[in-house]
Amino acid sequence: MMLADRPFLDFPFAVSELGASALTGRDDHLRDLIYLVLFTAPGERVNRPEFGCGVKQLVFAPASDALAAATEQLIHGALIRWLDPVVSVEKVSVLASEATLEITVAYSPRDTGERREEVFRHPVAV
């Protein structure tokens, strides 16, 4: 499944200045999809109870190298399971610092092959 260069509904859902649903481009849409997989807890979605990987639960877990490695594998597996048709995940790294979780995902959209690296934080820094 390739993502055409067309508008997608933006996440989080918003209303545009014209009063219609806010839209976004393909690159932002891919980032939104990764964010949804990362920060959705399994069981949170009624019609897809297995969706997500639930890393929000790990923010307050005791930090260790073993936990970081296990979390990286958990995230990598969830991204492959849910987004493999649209992105190729190259690398995932996790850094837990105090009450913040920082996840770096290196990936390539399948339709362009252009390498991207995005950083996701929870809670989101303002």
PDB file of N, CA and C in Angstrom:
ATOM      1  N   MET A   1       0.837  -1.177   0.000  1.00  0.00           N
ATOM      2  CA  MET A   1       0.000   0.000   0.000  1.00  0.00           C
ATOM      3  C   MET A   1       0.882   1.240   0.000  1.00  0.00           C
ATOM      4  N   MET A   2       0.820   2.007  -1.041  1.00  0.00           N
ATOM      5  CA  MET A   2       1.609   3.227  -1.150  1.00  0.00           C
ATOM      6  C   MET A   2       0.736   4.425  -0.814  1.00  0.00           C
ATOM      7  N   LEU A   3       1.350   5.432  -0.229  1.00  0.00           N
ATOM      8  CA  LEU A   3       0.616   6.648   0.119  1.00  0.00           C
ATOM      9  C   LEU A   3       0.819   7.676  -0.981  1.00  0.00           C
ATOM     10  N   ALA A   4      -0.238   8.000  -1.666  1.00  0.00           N
ATOM     11  CA  ALA A   4      -0.167   9.010  -2.722  1.00  0.00           C
ATOM     12  C   ALA A   4       0.074  10.384  -2.107  1.00  0.00           C
ATOM     13  N   ASP A   5       0.538  11.279  -2.932  1.00  0.00           N
ATOM     14  CA  ASP A   5       0.768  12.641  -2.462  1.00  0.00           C
ATOM     15  C   ASP A   5      -0.561  13.396  -2.499  1.00  0.00           C
ATOM     16  N   ARG A   6      -1.374  13.143  -1.499  1.00  0.00           N
ATOM     17  CA  ARG A   6      -2.692  13.748  -1.374  1.00  0.00           C
ATOM     18  C   ARG A   6      -2.880  14.157   0.076  1.00  0.00           C
ATOM     19  N   PRO A   7      -3.880  14.954   0.388  1.00  0.00           N
ATOM     20  CA  PRO A   7      -4.079  15.350   1.788  1.00  0.00           C
ATOM     21  C   PRO A   7      -4.673  14.218   2.629  1.00  0.00           C
ATOM     22  N   PHE A   8      -4.296  14.195   3.883  1.00  0.00           N
ATOM     23  CA  PHE A   8      -4.790  13.228   4.865  1.00  0.00           C
ATOM     24  C   PHE A   8      -5.379  13.996   6.036  1.00  0.00           C
ATOM     25  N   LEU A   9      -6.292  13.374   6.775  1.00  0.00           N
ATOM     26  CA  LEU A   9      -6.791  13.992   8.003  1.00  0.00           C
ATOM     27  C   LEU A   9      -5.638  14.170   8.966  1.00  0.00           C
ATOM     28  N   ASP A  10      -5.569  15.325   9.594  1.00  0.00           N
ATOM     29  CA  ASP A  10      -4.481  15.603  10.529  1.00  0.00           C
ATOM     30  C   ASP A  10      -4.784  14.978  11.882  1.00  0.00           C
ATOM     31  N   PHE A  11      -3.719  14.673  12.622  1.00  0.00           N
ATOM     32  CA  PHE A  11      -3.831  14.154  13.976  1.00  0.00           C
ATOM     33  C   PHE A  11      -3.045  15.086  14.880  1.00  0.00           C
ATOM     34  N   PRO A  12      -3.587  15.500  16.017  1.00  0.00           N
ATOM     35  CA  PRO A  12      -4.933  15.221  16.476  1.00  0.00           C
ATOM     36  C   PRO A  12      -5.952  15.961  15.615  1.00  0.00           C
ATOM     37  N   PHE A  13      -7.152  15.414  15.606  1.00  0.00           N
ATOM     38  CA  PHE A  13      -8.210  15.981  14.780  1.00  0.00           C
ATOM     39  C   PHE A  13      -8.423  17.444  15.143  1.00  0.00           C
ATOM     40  N   ALA A  14      -8.568  18.268  14.116  1.00  0.00           N
ATOM     41  CA  ALA A  14      -8.804  19.696  14.315  1.00  0.00           C
ATOM     42  C   ALA A  14      -9.690  20.199  13.184  1.00  0.00           C
ATOM     43  N   VAL A  15     -10.215  21.384  13.382  1.00  0.00           N
ATOM     44  CA  VAL A  15     -11.031  22.031  12.365  1.00  0.00           C
ATOM     45  C   VAL A  15     -10.195  23.159  11.764  1.00  0.00           C
ATOM     46  N   SER A  16     -10.168  23.225  10.430  1.00  0.00           N
ATOM     47  CA  SER A  16      -9.396  24.268   9.759  1.00  0.00           C
ATOM     48  C   SER A  16     -10.097  25.615   9.876  1.00  0.00           C
ATOM     49  N   GLU A  17      -9.403  26.666   9.436  1.00  0.00           N
ATOM     50  CA  GLU A  17      -9.984  28.008   9.483  1.00  0.00           C
ATOM     51  C   GLU A  17     -11.201  28.143   8.569  1.00  0.00           C
ATOM     52  N   LEU A  18     -11.364  27.190   7.642  1.00  0.00           N
ATOM     53  CA  LEU A  18     -12.533  27.195   6.750  1.00  0.00           C
ATOM     54  C   LEU A  18     -13.710  26.433   7.343  1.00  0.00           C
ATOM     55  N   GLY A  19     -13.512  25.826   8.498  1.00  0.00           N
ATOM     56  CA  GLY A  19     -14.578  25.075   9.149  1.00  0.00           C
ATOM     57  C   GLY A  19     -14.647  23.616   8.729  1.00  0.00           C
ATOM     58  N   ALA A  20     -13.684  23.155   7.954  1.00  0.00           N
ATOM     59  CA  ALA A  20     -13.629  21.752   7.529  1.00  0.00           C
ATOM     60  C   ALA A  20     -12.596  21.010   8.378  1.00  0.00           C
ATOM     61  N   SER A  21     -12.522  19.709   8.205  1.00  0.00           N
ATOM     62  CA  SER A  21     -11.507  18.920   8.910  1.00  0.00           C
ATOM     63  C   SER A  21     -10.122  19.361   8.459  1.00  0.00           C
ATOM     64  N   ALA A  22      -9.201  19.538   9.409  1.00  0.00           N
ATOM     65  CA  ALA A  22      -7.838  19.945   9.078  1.00  0.00           C
ATOM     66  C   ALA A  22      -7.135  18.806   8.351  1.00  0.00           C
ATOM     67  N   LEU A  23      -6.364  19.166   7.334  1.00  0.00           N
ATOM     68  CA  LEU A  23      -5.651  18.179   6.526  1.00  0.00           C
ATOM     69  C   LEU A  23      -4.155  18.380   6.659  1.00  0.00           C
ATOM     70  N   THR A  24      -3.395  17.353   6.299  1.00  0.00           N
ATOM     71  CA  THR A  24      -1.948  17.405   6.354  1.00  0.00           C
ATOM     72  C   THR A  24      -1.373  16.642   5.165  1.00  0.00           C
ATOM     73  N   GLY A  25      -0.068  16.780   4.948  1.00  0.00           N
ATOM     74  CA  GLY A  25       0.611  16.102   3.844  1.00  0.00           C
ATOM     75  C   GLY A  25       1.075  14.705   4.226  1.00  0.00           C
ATOM     76  N   ARG A  26       1.645  13.995   3.269  1.00  0.00           N
ATOM     77  CA  ARG A  26       2.067  12.617   3.447  1.00  0.00           C
ATOM     78  C   ARG A  26       3.130  12.463   4.547  1.00  0.00           C
ATOM     79  N   ASP A  27       4.130  13.325   4.543  1.00  0.00           N
ATOM     80  CA  ASP A  27       5.216  13.183   5.520  1.00  0.00           C
ATOM     81  C   ASP A  27       4.715  13.349   6.956  1.00  0.00           C
ATOM     82  N   ASP A  28       3.870  14.359   7.188  1.00  0.00           N
ATOM     83  CA  ASP A  28       3.309  14.553   8.524  1.00  0.00           C
ATOM     84  C   ASP A  28       2.367  13.410   8.875  1.00  0.00           C
ATOM     85  N   HIS A  29       1.657  12.903   7.887  1.00  0.00           N
ATOM     86  CA  HIS A  29       0.750  11.773   8.114  1.00  0.00           C
ATOM     87  C   HIS A  29       1.527  10.534   8.577  1.00  0.00           C
ATOM     88  N   LEU A  30       2.681  10.260   7.965  1.00  0.00           N
ATOM     89  CA  LEU A  30       3.503   9.120   8.389  1.00  0.00           C
ATOM     90  C   LEU A  30       3.977   9.306   9.828  1.00  0.00           C
ATOM     91  N   ARG A  31       4.385  10.521  10.175  1.00  0.00           N
ATOM     92  CA  ARG A  31       4.796  10.812  11.561  1.00  0.00           C
ATOM     93  C   ARG A  31       3.624  10.579  12.510  1.00  0.00           C
ATOM     94  N   ASP A  32       2.423  11.015  12.107  1.00  0.00           N
ATOM     95  CA  ASP A  32       1.234  10.801  12.928  1.00  0.00           C
ATOM     96  C   ASP A  32       0.956   9.312  13.129  1.00  0.00           C
ATOM     97  N   LEU A  33       1.113   8.521  12.061  1.00  0.00           N
ATOM     98  CA  LEU A  33       0.879   7.070  12.173  1.00  0.00           C
ATOM     99  C   LEU A  33       1.849   6.439  13.165  1.00  0.00           C
ATOM    100  N   ILE A  34       3.124   6.813  13.092  1.00  0.00           N
ATOM    101  CA  ILE A  34       4.123   6.269  14.020  1.00  0.00           C
ATOM    102  C   ILE A  34       3.771   6.680  15.451  1.00  0.00           C
ATOM    103  N   TYR A  35       3.401   7.938  15.642  1.00  0.00           N
ATOM    104  CA  TYR A  35       3.019   8.424  16.967  1.00  0.00           C
ATOM    105  C   TYR A  35       1.860   7.597  17.533  1.00  0.00           C
ATOM    106  N   LEU A  36       0.868   7.333  16.698  1.00  0.00           N
ATOM    107  CA  LEU A  36      -0.292   6.554  17.152  1.00  0.00           C
ATOM    108  C   LEU A  36       0.106   5.152  17.585  1.00  0.00           C
ATOM    109  N   VAL A  37       0.983   4.504  16.840  1.00  0.00           N
ATOM    110  CA  VAL A  37       1.425   3.162  17.231  1.00  0.00           C
ATOM    111  C   VAL A  37       2.193   3.221  18.548  1.00  0.00           C
ATOM    112  N   LEU A  38       3.065   4.215  18.691  1.00  0.00           N
ATOM    113  CA  LEU A  38       3.892   4.316  19.898  1.00  0.00           C
ATOM    114  C   LEU A  38       3.070   4.552  21.158  1.00  0.00           C
ATOM    115  N   PHE A  39       2.144   5.491  21.093  1.00  0.00           N
ATOM    116  CA  PHE A  39       1.498   5.952  22.312  1.00  0.00           C
ATOM    117  C   PHE A  39       0.066   5.476  22.506  1.00  0.00           C
ATOM    118  N   THR A  40      -0.353   4.484  21.732  1.00  0.00           N
ATOM    119  CA  THR A  40      -1.640   3.841  21.965  1.00  0.00           C
ATOM    120  C   THR A  40      -1.380   2.560  22.749  1.00  0.00           C
ATOM    121  N   ALA A  41      -2.088   2.394  23.834  1.00  0.00           N
ATOM    122  CA  ALA A  41      -1.930   1.190  24.648  1.00  0.00           C
ATOM    123  C   ALA A  41      -2.808   0.074  24.088  1.00  0.00           C
ATOM    124  N   PRO A  42      -2.281  -1.148  24.025  1.00  0.00           N
ATOM    125  CA  PRO A  42      -3.135  -2.262  23.612  1.00  0.00           C
ATOM    126  C   PRO A  42      -4.381  -2.311  24.498  1.00  0.00           C
ATOM    127  N   GLY A  43      -5.541  -2.511  23.847  1.00  0.00           N
ATOM    128  CA  GLY A  43      -6.803  -2.509  24.568  1.00  0.00           C
ATOM    129  C   GLY A  43      -7.501  -1.165  24.561  1.00  0.00           C
ATOM    130  N   GLU A  44      -6.802  -0.122  24.146  1.00  0.00           N
ATOM    131  CA  GLU A  44      -7.364   1.226  24.140  1.00  0.00           C
ATOM    132  C   GLU A  44      -8.381   1.414  23.008  1.00  0.00           C
ATOM    133  N   ARG A  45      -8.188   0.739  21.909  1.00  0.00           N
ATOM    134  CA  ARG A  45      -9.107   0.838  20.772  1.00  0.00           C
ATOM    135  C   ARG A  45     -10.074  -0.336  20.790  1.00  0.00           C
ATOM    136  N   VAL A  46     -11.347  -0.033  20.760  1.00  0.00           N
ATOM    137  CA  VAL A  46     -12.374  -1.062  20.877  1.00  0.00           C
ATOM    138  C   VAL A  46     -12.334  -2.044  19.713  1.00  0.00           C
ATOM    139  N   ASN A  47     -12.262  -1.528  18.498  1.00  0.00           N
ATOM    140  CA  ASN A  47     -12.312  -2.407  17.330  1.00  0.00           C
ATOM    141  C   ASN A  47     -10.965  -2.989  16.925  1.00  0.00           C
ATOM    142  N   ARG A  48      -9.902  -2.545  17.556  1.00  0.00           N
ATOM    143  CA  ARG A  48      -8.561  -3.082  17.313  1.00  0.00           C
ATOM    144  C   ARG A  48      -7.834  -3.196  18.641  1.00  0.00           C
ATOM    145  N   PRO A  49      -8.242  -4.140  19.478  1.00  0.00           N
ATOM    146  CA  PRO A  49      -7.691  -4.196  20.838  1.00  0.00           C
ATOM    147  C   PRO A  49      -6.197  -4.514  20.910  1.00  0.00           C
ATOM    148  N   GLU A  50      -5.609  -5.058  19.850  1.00  0.00           N
ATOM    149  CA  GLU A  50      -4.182  -5.381  19.871  1.00  0.00           C
ATOM    150  C   GLU A  50      -3.309  -4.248  19.347  1.00  0.00           C
ATOM    151  N   PHE A  51      -3.936  -3.182  18.816  1.00  0.00           N
ATOM    152  CA  PHE A  51      -3.189  -2.081  18.210  1.00  0.00           C
ATOM    153  C   PHE A  51      -2.348  -1.342  19.240  1.00  0.00           C
ATOM    154  N   GLY A  52      -1.154  -0.906  18.828  1.00  0.00           N
ATOM    155  CA  GLY A  52      -0.282  -0.088  19.668  1.00  0.00           C
ATOM    156  C   GLY A  52       0.804  -0.895  20.338  1.00  0.00           C
ATOM    157  N   CYS A  53       1.610  -0.185  21.133  1.00  0.00           N
ATOM    158  CA  CYS A  53       2.651  -0.893  21.898  1.00  0.00           C
ATOM    159  C   CYS A  53       2.736  -0.423  23.340  1.00  0.00           C
ATOM    160  N   GLY A  54       2.014   0.620  23.708  1.00  0.00           N
ATOM    161  CA  GLY A  54       1.875   0.990  25.110  1.00  0.00           C
ATOM    162  C   GLY A  54       3.127   1.438  25.815  1.00  0.00           C
ATOM    163  N   VAL A  55       3.978   2.217  25.148  1.00  0.00           N
ATOM    164  CA  VAL A  55       5.207   2.648  25.813  1.00  0.00           C
ATOM    165  C   VAL A  55       4.984   3.696  26.895  1.00  0.00           C
ATOM    166  N   LYS A  56       3.802   4.322  26.921  1.00  0.00           N
ATOM    167  CA  LYS A  56       3.533   5.324  27.976  1.00  0.00           C
ATOM    168  C   LYS A  56       3.666   4.710  29.370  1.00  0.00           C
ATOM    169  N   GLN A  57       3.396   3.418  29.485  1.00  0.00           N
ATOM    170  CA  GLN A  57       3.487   2.738  30.775  1.00  0.00           C
ATOM    171  C   GLN A  57       4.927   2.672  31.277  1.00  0.00           C
ATOM    172  N   LEU A  58       5.890   2.827  30.372  1.00  0.00           N
ATOM    173  CA  LEU A  58       7.293   2.655  30.742  1.00  0.00           C
ATOM    174  C   LEU A  58       7.958   3.938  31.232  1.00  0.00           C
ATOM    175  N   VAL A  59       7.244   5.053  31.191  1.00  0.00           N
ATOM    176  CA  VAL A  59       7.842   6.326  31.599  1.00  0.00           C
ATOM    177  C   VAL A  59       8.356   6.263  33.027  1.00  0.00           C
ATOM    178  N   PHE A  60       7.614   5.604  33.916  1.00  0.00           N
ATOM    179  CA  PHE A  60       8.004   5.572  35.318  1.00  0.00           C
ATOM    180  C   PHE A  60       8.649   4.251  35.740  1.00  0.00           C
ATOM    181  N   ALA A  61       8.963   3.392  34.774  1.00  0.00           N
ATOM    182  CA  ALA A  61       9.644   2.135  35.085  1.00  0.00           C
ATOM    183  C   ALA A  61      11.102   2.434  35.430  1.00  0.00           C
ATOM    184  N   PRO A  62      11.711   1.614  36.286  1.00  0.00           N
ATOM    185  CA  PRO A  62      13.115   1.849  36.628  1.00  0.00           C
ATOM    186  C   PRO A  62      14.003   1.749  35.386  1.00  0.00           C
ATOM    187  N   ALA A  63      14.803   2.772  35.155  1.00  0.00           N
ATOM    188  CA  ALA A  63      15.657   2.811  33.969  1.00  0.00           C
ATOM    189  C   ALA A  63      16.788   1.802  34.081  1.00  0.00           C
ATOM    190  N   SER A  64      16.997   1.057  33.007  1.00  0.00           N
ATOM    191  CA  SER A  64      18.120   0.122  32.933  1.00  0.00           C
ATOM    192  C   SER A  64      18.404  -0.167  31.467  1.00  0.00           C
ATOM    193  N   ASP A  65      19.594  -0.685  31.205  1.00  0.00           N
ATOM    194  CA  ASP A  65      19.959  -1.040  29.830  1.00  0.00           C
ATOM    195  C   ASP A  65      19.060  -2.148  29.299  1.00  0.00           C
ATOM    196  N   ALA A  66      18.712  -3.093  30.157  1.00  0.00           N
ATOM    197  CA  ALA A  66      17.853  -4.207  29.738  1.00  0.00           C
ATOM    198  C   ALA A  66      16.464  -3.713  29.364  1.00  0.00           C
ATOM    199  N   LEU A  67      15.914  -2.786  30.154  1.00  0.00           N
ATOM    200  CA  LEU A  67      14.597  -2.237  29.852  1.00  0.00           C
ATOM    201  C   LEU A  67      14.639  -1.444  28.548  1.00  0.00           C
ATOM    202  N   ALA A  68      15.689  -0.666  28.335  1.00  0.00           N
ATOM    203  CA  ALA A  68      15.807   0.111  27.098  1.00  0.00           C
ATOM    204  C   ALA A  68      15.874  -0.811  25.889  1.00  0.00           C
ATOM    205  N   ALA A  69      16.661  -1.880  25.975  1.00  0.00           N
ATOM    206  CA  ALA A  69      16.777  -2.825  24.862  1.00  0.00           C
ATOM    207  C   ALA A  69      15.448  -3.533  24.591  1.00  0.00           C
ATOM    208  N   ALA A  70      14.762  -3.937  25.650  1.00  0.00           N
ATOM    209  CA  ALA A  70      13.464  -4.595  25.489  1.00  0.00           C
ATOM    210  C   ALA A  70      12.434  -3.640  24.894  1.00  0.00           C
ATOM    211  N   THR A  71      12.464  -2.386  25.318  1.00  0.00           N
ATOM    212  CA  THR A  71      11.542  -1.384  24.803  1.00  0.00           C
ATOM    213  C   THR A  71      11.803  -1.118  23.323  1.00  0.00           C
ATOM    214  N   GLU A  72      13.067  -1.040  22.939  1.00  0.00           N
ATOM    215  CA  GLU A  72      13.407  -0.841  21.532  1.00  0.00           C
ATOM    216  C   GLU A  72      12.859  -1.983  20.677  1.00  0.00           C
ATOM    217  N   GLN A  73      12.994  -3.220  21.160  1.00  0.00           N
ATOM    218  CA  GLN A  73      12.479  -4.373  20.419  1.00  0.00           C
ATOM    219  C   GLN A  73      10.951  -4.360  20.361  1.00  0.00           C
ATOM    220  N   LEU A  74      10.313  -3.991  21.465  1.00  0.00           N
ATOM    221  CA  LEU A  74       8.853  -3.889  21.513  1.00  0.00           C
ATOM    222  C   LEU A  74       8.347  -2.877  20.486  1.00  0.00           C
ATOM    223  N   ILE A  75       8.965  -1.719  20.450  1.00  0.00           N
ATOM    224  CA  ILE A  75       8.564  -0.660  19.522  1.00  0.00           C
ATOM    225  C   ILE A  75       8.821  -1.084  18.081  1.00  0.00           C
ATOM    226  N   HIS A  76      10.004  -1.612  17.815  1.00  0.00           N
ATOM    227  CA  HIS A  76      10.365  -2.033  16.457  1.00  0.00           C
ATOM    228  C   HIS A  76       9.363  -3.066  15.942  1.00  0.00           C
ATOM    229  N   GLY A  77       9.026  -4.037  16.776  1.00  0.00           N
ATOM    230  CA  GLY A  77       8.066  -5.067  16.392  1.00  0.00           C
ATOM    231  C   GLY A  77       6.677  -4.500  16.128  1.00  0.00           C
ATOM    232  N   ALA A  78       6.225  -3.573  16.970  1.00  0.00           N
ATOM    233  CA  ALA A  78       4.898  -2.970  16.793  1.00  0.00           C
ATOM    234  C   ALA A  78       4.848  -2.137  15.518  1.00  0.00           C
ATOM    235  N   LEU A  79       5.915  -1.385  15.234  1.00  0.00           N
ATOM    236  CA  LEU A  79       5.936  -0.578  14.012  1.00  0.00           C
ATOM    237  C   LEU A  79       5.912  -1.466  12.773  1.00  0.00           C
ATOM    238  N   ILE A  80       6.650  -2.560  12.806  1.00  0.00           N
ATOM    239  CA  ILE A  80       6.633  -3.485  11.670  1.00  0.00           C
ATOM    240  C   ILE A  80       5.254  -4.115  11.526  1.00  0.00           C
ATOM    241  N   ARG A  81       4.666  -4.522  12.636  1.00  0.00           N
ATOM    242  CA  ARG A  81       3.349  -5.167  12.577  1.00  0.00           C
ATOM    243  C   ARG A  81       2.287  -4.253  11.975  1.00  0.00           C
ATOM    244  N   TRP A  82       2.255  -3.002  12.400  1.00  0.00           N
ATOM    245  CA  TRP A  82       1.161  -2.123  12.007  1.00  0.00           C
ATOM    246  C   TRP A  82       1.466  -1.231  10.814  1.00  0.00           C
ATOM    247  N   LEU A  83       2.726  -0.939  10.540  1.00  0.00           N
ATOM    248  CA  LEU A  83       3.031   0.020   9.478  1.00  0.00           C
ATOM    249  C   LEU A  83       3.924  -0.524   8.366  1.00  0.00           C
ATOM    250  N   ASP A  84       4.214  -1.810   8.371  1.00  0.00           N
ATOM    251  CA  ASP A  84       5.120  -2.375   7.377  1.00  0.00           C
ATOM    252  C   ASP A  84       4.714  -2.091   5.925  1.00  0.00           C
ATOM    253  N   PRO A  85       3.433  -2.039   5.590  1.00  0.00           N
ATOM    254  CA  PRO A  85       3.095  -1.732   4.199  1.00  0.00           C
ATOM    255  C   PRO A  85       3.495  -0.321   3.745  1.00  0.00           C
ATOM    256  N   VAL A  86       3.655   0.618   4.687  1.00  0.00           N
ATOM    257  CA  VAL A  86       3.938   1.999   4.285  1.00  0.00           C
ATOM    258  C   VAL A  86       5.328   2.502   4.672  1.00  0.00           C
ATOM    259  N   VAL A  87       5.967   1.919   5.694  1.00  0.00           N
ATOM    260  CA  VAL A  87       7.314   2.349   6.081  1.00  0.00           C
ATOM    261  C   VAL A  87       8.213   1.151   6.366  1.00  0.00           C
ATOM    262  N   SER A  88       9.495   1.353   6.114  1.00  0.00           N
ATOM    263  CA  SER A  88      10.510   0.378   6.467  1.00  0.00           C
ATOM    264  C   SER A  88      11.270   0.937   7.671  1.00  0.00           C
ATOM    265  N   VAL A  89      11.133   0.281   8.813  1.00  0.00           N
ATOM    266  CA  VAL A  89      11.773   0.766  10.044  1.00  0.00           C
ATOM    267  C   VAL A  89      13.210   0.266  10.074  1.00  0.00           C
ATOM    268  N   GLU A  90      14.149   1.202  10.187  1.00  0.00           N
ATOM    269  CA  GLU A  90      15.568   0.856  10.185  1.00  0.00           C
ATOM    270  C   GLU A  90      16.131   0.716  11.596  1.00  0.00           C
ATOM    271  N   LYS A  91      15.780   1.661  12.469  1.00  0.00           N
ATOM    272  CA  LYS A  91      16.367   1.658  13.809  1.00  0.00           C
ATOM    273  C   LYS A  91      15.447   2.373  14.780  1.00  0.00           C
ATOM    274  N   VAL A  92      15.418   1.868  16.006  1.00  0.00           N
ATOM    275  CA  VAL A  92      14.667   2.493  17.091  1.00  0.00           C
ATOM    276  C   VAL A  92      15.610   2.634  18.276  1.00  0.00           C
ATOM    277  N   SER A  93      15.658   3.813  18.879  1.00  0.00           N
ATOM    278  CA  SER A  93      16.438   3.973  20.107  1.00  0.00           C
ATOM    279  C   SER A  93      15.564   4.679  21.140  1.00  0.00           C
ATOM    280  N   VAL A  94      15.754   4.302  22.392  1.00  0.00           N
ATOM    281  CA  VAL A  94      14.921   4.797  23.493  1.00  0.00           C
ATOM    282  C   VAL A  94      15.816   5.379  24.566  1.00  0.00           C
ATOM    283  N   LEU A  95      15.424   6.535  25.075  1.00  0.00           N
ATOM    284  CA  LEU A  95      16.121   7.170  26.185  1.00  0.00           C
ATOM    285  C   LEU A  95      15.083   7.564  27.223  1.00  0.00           C
ATOM    286  N   ALA A  96      15.202   7.001  28.426  1.00  0.00           N
ATOM    287  CA  ALA A  96      14.301   7.358  29.525  1.00  0.00           C
ATOM    288  C   ALA A  96      15.071   8.258  30.478  1.00  0.00           C
ATOM    289  N   SER A  97      14.525   9.456  30.704  1.00  0.00           N
ATOM    290  CA  SER A  97      15.172  10.419  31.577  1.00  0.00           C
ATOM    291  C   SER A  97      14.127  11.012  32.499  1.00  0.00           C
ATOM    292  N   GLU A  98      14.276  10.758  33.792  1.00  0.00           N
ATOM    293  CA  GLU A  98      13.305  11.182  34.796  1.00  0.00           C
ATOM    294  C   GLU A  98      11.908  10.735  34.376  1.00  0.00           C
ATOM    295  N   ALA A  99      10.992  11.660  34.110  1.00  0.00           N
ATOM    296  CA  ALA A  99       9.620  11.284  33.754  1.00  0.00           C
ATOM    297  C   ALA A  99       9.348  11.492  32.270  1.00  0.00           C
ATOM    298  N   THR A 100      10.414  11.522  31.449  1.00  0.00           N
ATOM    299  CA  THR A 100      10.255  11.729  30.015  1.00  0.00           C
ATOM    300  C   THR A 100      10.824  10.542  29.249  1.00  0.00           C
ATOM    301  N   LEU A 101      10.092  10.126  28.251  1.00  0.00           N
ATOM    302  CA  LEU A 101      10.526   9.043  27.378  1.00  0.00           C
ATOM    303  C   LEU A 101      10.796   9.656  26.012  1.00  0.00           C
ATOM    304  N   GLU A 102      12.022   9.466  25.485  1.00  0.00           N
ATOM    305  CA  GLU A 102      12.388   9.981  24.166  1.00  0.00           C
ATOM    306  C   GLU A 102      12.683   8.804  23.252  1.00  0.00           C
ATOM    307  N   ILE A 103      11.937   8.733  22.156  1.00  0.00           N
ATOM    308  CA  ILE A 103      12.063   7.621  21.213  1.00  0.00           C
ATOM    309  C   ILE A 103      12.485   8.185  19.868  1.00  0.00           C
ATOM    310  N   THR A 104      13.569   7.665  19.318  1.00  0.00           N
ATOM    311  CA  THR A 104      14.035   8.065  17.996  1.00  0.00           C
ATOM    312  C   THR A 104      13.789   6.908  17.048  1.00  0.00           C
ATOM    313  N   VAL A 105      13.098   7.198  15.947  1.00  0.00           N
ATOM    314  CA  VAL A 105      12.776   6.178  14.954  1.00  0.00           C
ATOM    315  C   VAL A 105      13.375   6.598  13.623  1.00  0.00           C
ATOM    316  N   ALA A 106      14.228   5.746  13.057  1.00  0.00           N
ATOM    317  CA  ALA A 106      14.765   5.953  11.712  1.00  0.00           C
ATOM    318  C   ALA A 106      13.988   5.036  10.781  1.00  0.00           C
ATOM    319  N   TYR A 107      13.426   5.615   9.728  1.00  0.00           N
ATOM    320  CA  TYR A 107      12.585   4.838   8.817  1.00  0.00           C
ATOM    321  C   TYR A 107      12.653   5.423   7.411  1.00  0.00           C
ATOM    322  N   SER A 108      12.122   4.655   6.463  1.00  0.00           N
ATOM    323  CA  SER A 108      12.020   5.109   5.079  1.00  0.00           C
ATOM    324  C   SER A 108      10.610   4.828   4.589  1.00  0.00           C
ATOM    325  N   PRO A 109       9.939   5.821   4.021  1.00  0.00           N
ATOM    326  CA  PRO A 109       8.646   5.549   3.399  1.00  0.00           C
ATOM    327  C   PRO A 109       8.859   4.574   2.243  1.00  0.00           C
ATOM    328  N   ARG A 110       8.017   3.585   2.119  1.00  0.00           N
ATOM    329  CA  ARG A 110       8.183   2.562   1.081  1.00  0.00           C
ATOM    330  C   ARG A 110       8.054   3.127  -0.327  1.00  0.00           C
ATOM    331  N   ASP A 111       7.265   4.199  -0.491  1.00  0.00           N
ATOM    332  CA  ASP A 111       7.068   4.705  -1.846  1.00  0.00           C
ATOM    333  C   ASP A 111       8.223   5.565  -2.348  1.00  0.00           C
ATOM    334  N   THR A 112       9.015   6.162  -1.440  1.00  0.00           N
ATOM    335  CA  THR A 112      10.132   6.998  -1.885  1.00  0.00           C
ATOM    336  C   THR A 112      11.495   6.434  -1.499  1.00  0.00           C
ATOM    337  N   GLY A 113      11.571   5.679  -0.402  1.00  0.00           N
ATOM    338  CA  GLY A 113      12.844   5.153   0.073  1.00  0.00           C
ATOM    339  C   GLY A 113      13.725   6.203   0.722  1.00  0.00           C
ATOM    340  N   GLU A 114      13.228   7.408   0.876  1.00  0.00           N
ATOM    341  CA  GLU A 114      13.992   8.507   1.473  1.00  0.00           C
ATOM    342  C   GLU A 114      14.081   8.315   2.982  1.00  0.00           C
ATOM    343  N   ARG A 115      15.302   8.251   3.513  1.00  0.00           N
ATOM    344  CA  ARG A 115      15.499   7.998   4.951  1.00  0.00           C
ATOM    345  C   ARG A 115      15.079   9.206   5.778  1.00  0.00           C
ATOM    346  N   ARG A 116      14.353   8.921   6.856  1.00  0.00           N
ATOM    347  CA  ARG A 116      13.904   9.959   7.789  1.00  0.00           C
ATOM    348  C   ARG A 116      14.222   9.508   9.214  1.00  0.00           C
ATOM    349  N   GLU A 117      14.390  10.490  10.080  1.00  0.00           N
ATOM    350  CA  GLU A 117      14.593  10.197  11.492  1.00  0.00           C
ATOM    351  C   GLU A 117      13.731  11.175  12.281  1.00  0.00           C
ATOM    352  N   GLU A 118      12.861  10.631  13.126  1.00  0.00           N
ATOM    353  CA  GLU A 118      11.959  11.455  13.908  1.00  0.00           C
ATOM    354  C   GLU A 118      12.157  11.156  15.393  1.00  0.00           C
ATOM    355  N   VAL A 119      11.975  12.174  16.223  1.00  0.00           N
ATOM    356  CA  VAL A 119      12.074  12.016  17.673  1.00  0.00           C
ATOM    357  C   VAL A 119      10.689  12.246  18.263  1.00  0.00           C
ATOM    358  N   PHE A 120      10.252  11.316  19.102  1.00  0.00           N
ATOM    359  CA  PHE A 120       8.953  11.400  19.767  1.00  0.00           C
ATOM    360  C   PHE A 120       9.201  11.449  21.270  1.00  0.00           C
ATOM    361  N   ARG A 121       8.523  12.355  21.940  1.00  0.00           N
ATOM    362  CA  ARG A 121       8.687  12.491  23.395  1.00  0.00           C
ATOM    363  C   ARG A 121       7.341  12.346  24.080  1.00  0.00           C
ATOM    364  N   HIS A 122       7.381  11.730  25.257  1.00  0.00           N
ATOM    365  CA  HIS A 122       6.179  11.651  26.084  1.00  0.00           C
ATOM    366  C   HIS A 122       6.594  11.887  27.526  1.00  0.00           C
ATOM    367  N   PRO A 123       5.998  12.763  28.273  1.00  0.00           N
ATOM    368  CA  PRO A 123       5.002  13.696  27.765  1.00  0.00           C
ATOM    369  C   PRO A 123       5.632  14.663  26.771  1.00  0.00           C
ATOM    370  N   VAL A 124       4.788  15.217  25.916  1.00  0.00           N
ATOM    371  CA  VAL A 124       5.263  16.122  24.864  1.00  0.00           C
ATOM    372  C   VAL A 124       5.780  17.395  25.499  1.00  0.00           C
ATOM    373  N   ALA A 125       6.994  17.785  25.112  1.00  0.00           N
ATOM    374  CA  ALA A 125       7.586  19.024  25.632  1.00  0.00           C
ATOM    375  C   ALA A 125       6.883  20.215  24.996  1.00  0.00           C
ATOM    376  N   VAL A 126       6.612  21.210  25.792  1.00  0.00           N
ATOM    377  CA  VAL A 126       5.899  22.387  25.290  1.00  0.00           C
ATOM    378  C   VAL A 126       6.892  23.435  24.851  1.00  0.00           C
TER     379      VAL A 126
END
